[in-house]
């Protein structure tokens, strides 16, 4: 089993817990090279998406996921528990119908479902962890 750390904001952490998933994405970039031979993306953007896909494809069912929540108020960030990966990674194309776009203002097109393993209601700092 592997442990994956996801750095999130206070706003996005709420959405991760509400829908019980971990994820990553590339703002307004979308994988347009998945089913066609050409891409409208600049090669640097395409390379970034491929690297993101490769990183996220290492997530396996049963792995651990830890959220590090960065504070926007100047306080130290905290860890709020350990979660277990509960699905294989999946891809959801970005677009107007993606609920995360409206909730977060960005796409998290690469995702996996999670379930709680050990939750810290008050959170612990990096130093305490």
N, C-alpha and C. Protein backbone atom coordinates (compact mmCIF):
# COMPACT_ATOMS: atom_id res chain seq x y z
N UNK A 1 0.83 -1.19 0.00
CA UNK A 1 0.00 0.00 0.00
C UNK A 1 0.87 1.25 0.00
N UNK A 2 0.38 2.25 -0.65
CA UNK A 2 1.08 3.53 -0.78
C UNK A 2 0.22 4.61 -0.15
N UNK A 3 0.88 5.65 0.34
CA UNK A 3 0.16 6.81 0.87
C UNK A 3 0.36 7.98 -0.08
N UNK A 4 -0.73 8.62 -0.42
CA UNK A 4 -0.72 9.76 -1.33
C UNK A 4 -1.16 11.00 -0.56
N UNK A 5 -0.43 12.10 -0.70
CA UNK A 5 -0.77 13.35 -0.02
C UNK A 5 -1.35 14.31 -1.04
N UNK A 6 -2.51 14.86 -0.72
CA UNK A 6 -3.18 15.83 -1.57
C UNK A 6 -3.22 17.17 -0.85
N UNK A 7 -2.64 18.17 -1.46
CA UNK A 7 -2.61 19.51 -0.88
C UNK A 7 -3.83 20.25 -1.41
N UNK A 8 -4.68 20.69 -0.48
CA UNK A 8 -5.95 21.32 -0.86
C UNK A 8 -6.14 22.62 -0.09
N UNK A 9 -7.09 23.42 -0.53
CA UNK A 9 -7.47 24.63 0.20
C UNK A 9 -8.63 24.30 1.12
N UNK A 10 -8.95 25.22 2.01
CA UNK A 10 -10.09 25.02 2.90
C UNK A 10 -11.38 24.85 2.10
N UNK A 11 -11.51 25.64 1.03
CA UNK A 11 -12.71 25.57 0.19
C UNK A 11 -12.81 24.21 -0.51
N UNK A 12 -11.72 23.77 -1.13
CA UNK A 12 -11.80 22.51 -1.88
C UNK A 12 -11.88 21.30 -0.96
N UNK A 13 -11.33 21.40 0.26
CA UNK A 13 -11.40 20.29 1.20
C UNK A 13 -12.86 19.94 1.52
N UNK A 14 -13.69 20.97 1.69
CA UNK A 14 -15.12 20.74 1.95
C UNK A 14 -15.76 19.93 0.82
N UNK A 15 -15.40 20.25 -0.42
CA UNK A 15 -15.98 19.56 -1.57
C UNK A 15 -15.46 18.12 -1.64
N UNK A 16 -14.17 17.92 -1.35
CA UNK A 16 -13.61 16.57 -1.32
C UNK A 16 -14.37 15.69 -0.32
N UNK A 17 -14.67 16.24 0.85
CA UNK A 17 -15.37 15.46 1.87
C UNK A 17 -16.85 15.28 1.54
N UNK A 18 -17.45 16.30 0.96
CA UNK A 18 -18.86 16.21 0.61
C UNK A 18 -19.12 15.09 -0.40
N UNK A 19 -18.24 14.98 -1.39
CA UNK A 19 -18.40 13.98 -2.44
C UNK A 19 -17.48 12.78 -2.27
N UNK A 20 -16.65 12.78 -1.23
CA UNK A 20 -15.75 11.68 -0.87
C UNK A 20 -14.87 11.22 -2.05
N UNK A 21 -14.00 12.12 -2.48
CA UNK A 21 -13.08 11.80 -3.56
C UNK A 21 -11.75 12.53 -3.36
N UNK A 22 -10.73 12.03 -4.02
CA UNK A 22 -9.48 12.76 -4.18
C UNK A 22 -9.36 13.04 -5.67
N UNK A 23 -8.66 14.10 -6.01
CA UNK A 23 -8.57 14.40 -7.42
C UNK A 23 -7.56 15.47 -7.73
N UNK A 24 -7.29 15.59 -9.00
CA UNK A 24 -6.40 16.62 -9.50
C UNK A 24 -6.86 17.00 -10.90
N UNK A 25 -6.40 18.12 -11.35
CA UNK A 25 -6.78 18.59 -12.67
C UNK A 25 -5.91 19.74 -13.10
N UNK A 26 -6.19 20.26 -14.26
CA UNK A 26 -5.36 21.31 -14.84
C UNK A 26 -6.19 22.53 -15.19
N UNK A 27 -6.80 23.14 -14.20
CA UNK A 27 -7.59 24.36 -14.36
C UNK A 27 -8.55 24.24 -15.53
N UNK A 28 -8.30 24.97 -16.61
CA UNK A 28 -9.23 24.95 -17.73
C UNK A 28 -8.75 24.06 -18.88
N UNK A 29 -7.70 23.28 -18.66
CA UNK A 29 -7.19 22.38 -19.70
C UNK A 29 -7.95 21.08 -19.67
N UNK A 30 -8.20 20.52 -20.84
CA UNK A 30 -8.91 19.26 -20.94
C UNK A 30 -8.13 18.32 -21.84
N UNK A 31 -8.23 17.04 -21.57
CA UNK A 31 -7.56 16.04 -22.39
C UNK A 31 -8.33 15.93 -23.71
N UNK A 32 -7.76 16.50 -24.74
CA UNK A 32 -8.43 16.42 -26.04
C UNK A 32 -7.68 15.48 -26.98
N UNK A 33 -6.70 14.76 -26.45
CA UNK A 33 -5.91 13.85 -27.27
C UNK A 33 -6.24 12.39 -26.94
N UNK A 34 -7.28 12.17 -26.18
CA UNK A 34 -7.62 10.83 -25.73
C UNK A 34 -8.20 9.97 -26.84
N UNK A 35 -8.96 10.56 -27.74
CA UNK A 35 -9.63 9.75 -28.77
C UNK A 35 -9.41 10.28 -30.19
N UNK A 36 -8.50 11.23 -30.34
CA UNK A 36 -8.19 11.76 -31.67
C UNK A 36 -6.68 11.80 -31.85
N UNK A 37 -6.24 11.90 -33.09
CA UNK A 37 -4.81 11.86 -33.36
C UNK A 37 -4.12 13.21 -33.24
N UNK A 38 -4.89 14.29 -33.15
CA UNK A 38 -4.30 15.62 -33.01
C UNK A 38 -4.85 16.30 -31.75
N UNK A 39 -4.13 17.27 -31.27
CA UNK A 39 -4.53 17.99 -30.07
C UNK A 39 -4.46 19.48 -30.33
N UNK A 40 -5.37 20.22 -29.71
CA UNK A 40 -5.33 21.68 -29.83
C UNK A 40 -4.45 22.28 -28.74
N UNK A 41 -3.94 21.46 -27.84
CA UNK A 41 -3.12 21.94 -26.74
C UNK A 41 -1.69 22.23 -27.17
N UNK A 42 -1.07 23.19 -26.55
CA UNK A 42 0.35 23.43 -26.73
C UNK A 42 1.08 22.21 -26.16
N UNK A 43 2.22 21.88 -26.72
CA UNK A 43 2.94 20.67 -26.29
C UNK A 43 3.26 20.69 -24.79
N UNK A 44 3.54 21.86 -24.24
CA UNK A 44 3.84 21.94 -22.80
C UNK A 44 2.60 21.59 -21.97
N UNK A 45 1.43 22.07 -22.38
CA UNK A 45 0.18 21.74 -21.68
C UNK A 45 -0.13 20.26 -21.81
N UNK A 46 0.07 19.73 -23.00
CA UNK A 46 -0.17 18.30 -23.23
C UNK A 46 0.77 17.46 -22.37
N UNK A 47 2.03 17.83 -22.32
CA UNK A 47 3.01 17.10 -21.49
C UNK A 47 2.60 17.14 -20.01
N UNK A 48 2.11 18.29 -19.56
CA UNK A 48 1.68 18.42 -18.17
C UNK A 48 0.50 17.50 -17.85
N UNK A 49 -0.46 17.43 -18.77
CA UNK A 49 -1.61 16.55 -18.56
C UNK A 49 -1.21 15.07 -18.58
N UNK A 50 -0.31 14.71 -19.46
CA UNK A 50 0.16 13.32 -19.51
C UNK A 50 0.89 12.97 -18.22
N UNK A 51 1.71 13.88 -17.71
CA UNK A 51 2.41 13.64 -16.45
C UNK A 51 1.42 13.50 -15.29
N UNK A 52 0.38 14.33 -15.29
CA UNK A 52 -0.64 14.27 -14.25
C UNK A 52 -1.39 12.93 -14.31
N UNK A 53 -1.71 12.47 -15.51
CA UNK A 53 -2.37 11.18 -15.69
C UNK A 53 -1.47 10.04 -15.20
N UNK A 54 -0.19 10.13 -15.51
CA UNK A 54 0.75 9.08 -15.08
C UNK A 54 0.86 9.06 -13.56
N UNK A 55 0.96 10.22 -12.93
CA UNK A 55 1.03 10.28 -11.46
C UNK A 55 -0.23 9.71 -10.84
N UNK A 56 -1.37 10.13 -11.33
CA UNK A 56 -2.63 9.72 -10.71
C UNK A 56 -2.94 8.25 -10.97
N UNK A 57 -2.39 7.68 -12.04
CA UNK A 57 -2.64 6.27 -12.33
C UNK A 57 -1.96 5.34 -11.33
N UNK A 58 -1.10 5.88 -10.47
CA UNK A 58 -0.47 5.06 -9.43
C UNK A 58 -1.37 4.83 -8.22
N UNK A 59 -2.50 5.52 -8.16
CA UNK A 59 -3.46 5.37 -7.05
C UNK A 59 -4.15 4.02 -7.21
N UNK A 60 -4.17 3.23 -6.13
CA UNK A 60 -4.79 1.91 -6.14
C UNK A 60 -5.82 1.79 -5.03
N UNK A 61 -6.80 0.94 -5.23
CA UNK A 61 -7.79 0.65 -4.19
C UNK A 61 -7.04 0.13 -2.96
N UNK A 62 -7.37 0.68 -1.80
CA UNK A 62 -6.73 0.27 -0.55
C UNK A 62 -5.57 1.15 -0.15
N UNK A 63 -5.05 1.97 -1.07
CA UNK A 63 -4.00 2.94 -0.71
C UNK A 63 -4.57 3.96 0.26
N UNK A 64 -3.69 4.64 0.95
CA UNK A 64 -4.10 5.70 1.86
C UNK A 64 -4.00 7.06 1.17
N UNK A 65 -4.91 7.94 1.54
CA UNK A 65 -4.90 9.32 1.04
C UNK A 65 -4.94 10.25 2.25
N UNK A 66 -4.07 11.23 2.25
CA UNK A 66 -4.02 12.22 3.32
C UNK A 66 -4.19 13.59 2.69
N UNK A 67 -5.08 14.39 3.27
CA UNK A 67 -5.27 15.77 2.82
C UNK A 67 -4.45 16.69 3.72
N UNK A 68 -3.66 17.54 3.09
CA UNK A 68 -2.99 18.62 3.81
C UNK A 68 -3.74 19.89 3.42
N UNK A 69 -4.43 20.48 4.39
CA UNK A 69 -5.27 21.64 4.11
C UNK A 69 -4.46 22.90 4.38
N UNK A 70 -4.18 23.65 3.32
CA UNK A 70 -3.46 24.91 3.45
C UNK A 70 -4.41 25.96 3.99
N UNK A 71 -3.95 26.71 4.95
CA UNK A 71 -4.77 27.77 5.51
C UNK A 71 -4.65 29.03 4.67
N UNK A 72 -5.76 29.71 4.47
CA UNK A 72 -5.73 30.98 3.74
C UNK A 72 -5.70 32.16 4.71
N UNK A 73 -5.77 31.86 6.02
CA UNK A 73 -5.81 32.93 7.01
C UNK A 73 -4.45 33.16 7.67
N UNK A 74 -3.40 32.58 7.12
CA UNK A 74 -2.07 32.78 7.67
C UNK A 74 -1.68 31.78 8.75
N UNK A 75 -2.61 30.94 9.16
CA UNK A 75 -2.30 29.91 10.15
C UNK A 75 -1.57 28.76 9.47
N UNK A 76 -0.98 27.89 10.29
CA UNK A 76 -0.30 26.73 9.77
C UNK A 76 -1.33 25.74 9.21
N UNK A 77 -1.00 25.07 8.12
CA UNK A 77 -1.89 24.07 7.55
C UNK A 77 -2.01 22.86 8.47
N UNK A 78 -3.01 22.03 8.20
CA UNK A 78 -3.25 20.86 9.04
C UNK A 78 -3.63 19.64 8.21
N UNK A 79 -3.40 18.49 8.84
CA UNK A 79 -3.88 17.21 8.31
C UNK A 79 -5.18 16.88 9.05
N UNK A 80 -6.19 16.41 8.33
CA UNK A 80 -7.47 16.10 8.94
C UNK A 80 -7.83 14.63 8.85
N UNK A 81 -6.85 13.80 8.81
CA UNK A 81 -7.12 12.37 8.86
C UNK A 81 -6.53 11.60 7.71
N UNK A 82 -6.84 10.32 7.76
CA UNK A 82 -6.37 9.37 6.76
C UNK A 82 -7.61 8.76 6.12
N UNK A 83 -7.58 8.65 4.82
CA UNK A 83 -8.69 8.08 4.07
C UNK A 83 -8.15 6.92 3.24
N UNK A 84 -9.02 6.03 2.84
CA UNK A 84 -8.61 4.91 1.99
C UNK A 84 -9.22 5.10 0.60
N UNK A 85 -8.43 4.81 -0.39
CA UNK A 85 -8.90 4.86 -1.77
C UNK A 85 -9.91 3.72 -1.96
N UNK A 86 -11.07 4.05 -2.52
CA UNK A 86 -12.16 3.09 -2.61
C UNK A 86 -12.57 2.79 -4.06
N UNK A 87 -11.84 3.33 -5.03
CA UNK A 87 -12.14 3.03 -6.43
C UNK A 87 -10.86 3.19 -7.24
N UNK A 88 -10.87 2.62 -8.41
CA UNK A 88 -9.78 2.89 -9.34
C UNK A 88 -9.88 4.34 -9.80
N UNK A 89 -8.77 4.93 -10.20
CA UNK A 89 -8.84 6.30 -10.72
C UNK A 89 -9.72 6.34 -11.97
N UNK A 90 -10.40 7.47 -12.14
CA UNK A 90 -11.22 7.62 -13.34
C UNK A 90 -11.08 9.04 -13.86
N UNK A 91 -11.47 9.21 -15.09
CA UNK A 91 -11.39 10.49 -15.79
C UNK A 91 -12.79 10.98 -16.10
N UNK A 92 -13.06 12.22 -15.75
CA UNK A 92 -14.32 12.85 -16.14
C UNK A 92 -13.97 14.10 -16.93
N UNK A 93 -14.35 14.16 -18.19
CA UNK A 93 -14.02 15.34 -18.99
C UNK A 93 -14.57 16.61 -18.37
N UNK A 94 -13.84 17.67 -18.55
CA UNK A 94 -14.31 18.95 -18.03
C UNK A 94 -15.44 19.46 -18.92
N UNK A 95 -16.11 20.46 -18.45
CA UNK A 95 -17.21 21.03 -19.22
C UNK A 95 -18.22 21.68 -18.31
N UNK A 96 -19.20 22.26 -18.91
CA UNK A 96 -20.22 22.98 -18.15
C UNK A 96 -21.04 22.09 -17.24
N UNK A 97 -21.12 20.81 -17.51
CA UNK A 97 -21.93 19.91 -16.70
C UNK A 97 -21.17 19.35 -15.50
N UNK A 98 -19.89 19.59 -15.40
CA UNK A 98 -19.13 19.02 -14.28
C UNK A 98 -19.42 19.81 -13.00
N UNK A 99 -19.93 19.13 -11.99
CA UNK A 99 -20.32 19.81 -10.75
C UNK A 99 -19.14 20.48 -10.06
N UNK A 100 -17.95 19.98 -10.23
CA UNK A 100 -16.79 20.58 -9.57
C UNK A 100 -16.44 21.94 -10.14
N UNK A 101 -16.71 22.13 -11.40
CA UNK A 101 -16.42 23.41 -12.02
C UNK A 101 -17.22 24.51 -11.35
N UNK A 102 -18.49 24.24 -11.08
CA UNK A 102 -19.30 25.27 -10.42
C UNK A 102 -18.98 25.38 -8.93
N UNK A 103 -18.63 24.28 -8.28
CA UNK A 103 -18.34 24.30 -6.85
C UNK A 103 -16.97 24.90 -6.53
N UNK A 104 -15.99 24.67 -7.40
CA UNK A 104 -14.62 25.10 -7.12
C UNK A 104 -14.08 26.13 -8.09
N UNK A 105 -14.70 26.27 -9.22
CA UNK A 105 -14.19 27.17 -10.23
C UNK A 105 -13.02 26.58 -11.01
N UNK A 106 -12.81 25.28 -10.88
CA UNK A 106 -11.76 24.60 -11.64
C UNK A 106 -12.16 23.14 -11.82
N UNK A 107 -11.52 22.50 -12.77
CA UNK A 107 -11.82 21.10 -13.07
C UNK A 107 -10.87 20.19 -12.32
N UNK A 108 -11.39 19.15 -11.74
CA UNK A 108 -10.58 18.07 -11.18
C UNK A 108 -10.99 16.82 -11.96
N UNK A 109 -10.41 16.67 -13.12
CA UNK A 109 -10.85 15.66 -14.06
C UNK A 109 -10.34 14.26 -13.74
N UNK A 110 -9.27 14.15 -12.98
CA UNK A 110 -8.73 12.85 -12.60
C UNK A 110 -9.09 12.62 -11.14
N UNK A 111 -9.88 11.58 -10.87
CA UNK A 111 -10.38 11.39 -9.51
C UNK A 111 -10.42 9.92 -9.12
N UNK A 112 -10.55 9.70 -7.81
CA UNK A 112 -10.81 8.37 -7.23
C UNK A 112 -11.68 8.59 -6.01
N UNK A 113 -12.55 7.64 -5.73
CA UNK A 113 -13.41 7.72 -4.56
C UNK A 113 -12.65 7.31 -3.31
N UNK A 114 -13.06 7.84 -2.15
CA UNK A 114 -12.40 7.52 -0.89
C UNK A 114 -13.44 7.17 0.17
N UNK A 115 -12.95 6.58 1.26
CA UNK A 115 -13.77 6.36 2.45
C UNK A 115 -12.91 6.70 3.66
N UNK A 116 -13.55 7.13 4.75
CA UNK A 116 -12.77 7.48 5.95
C UNK A 116 -12.07 6.27 6.54
N UNK A 117 -10.88 6.51 7.06
CA UNK A 117 -10.13 5.46 7.76
C UNK A 117 -9.88 5.90 9.20
N UNK A 118 -9.27 7.08 9.35
CA UNK A 118 -9.01 7.65 10.67
C UNK A 118 -9.10 9.17 10.53
N UNK A 119 -10.14 9.75 11.09
CA UNK A 119 -10.42 11.17 10.89
C UNK A 119 -10.04 11.96 12.14
N UNK A 120 -9.39 13.12 11.92
CA UNK A 120 -9.01 14.03 13.00
C UNK A 120 -9.90 15.26 12.91
N UNK A 121 -10.89 15.36 13.76
CA UNK A 121 -11.87 16.45 13.70
C UNK A 121 -11.22 17.82 13.86
N UNK A 122 -10.23 17.93 14.72
CA UNK A 122 -9.57 19.22 14.97
C UNK A 122 -8.37 19.44 14.05
N UNK A 123 -7.91 18.43 13.42
CA UNK A 123 -6.74 18.53 12.57
C UNK A 123 -5.46 18.56 13.39
N UNK A 124 -4.36 18.14 12.76
CA UNK A 124 -3.06 18.19 13.41
C UNK A 124 -2.09 18.90 12.47
N UNK A 125 -1.20 19.68 13.06
CA UNK A 125 -0.21 20.41 12.25
C UNK A 125 0.85 19.43 11.74
N UNK A 126 1.62 19.92 10.81
CA UNK A 126 2.71 19.10 10.27
C UNK A 126 3.67 18.72 11.39
N UNK A 127 3.94 19.66 12.28
CA UNK A 127 4.85 19.40 13.38
C UNK A 127 4.32 18.31 14.30
N UNK A 128 3.00 18.36 14.61
CA UNK A 128 2.39 17.35 15.48
C UNK A 128 2.35 15.98 14.80
N UNK A 129 2.13 15.98 13.50
CA UNK A 129 2.05 14.71 12.77
C UNK A 129 3.41 14.04 12.72
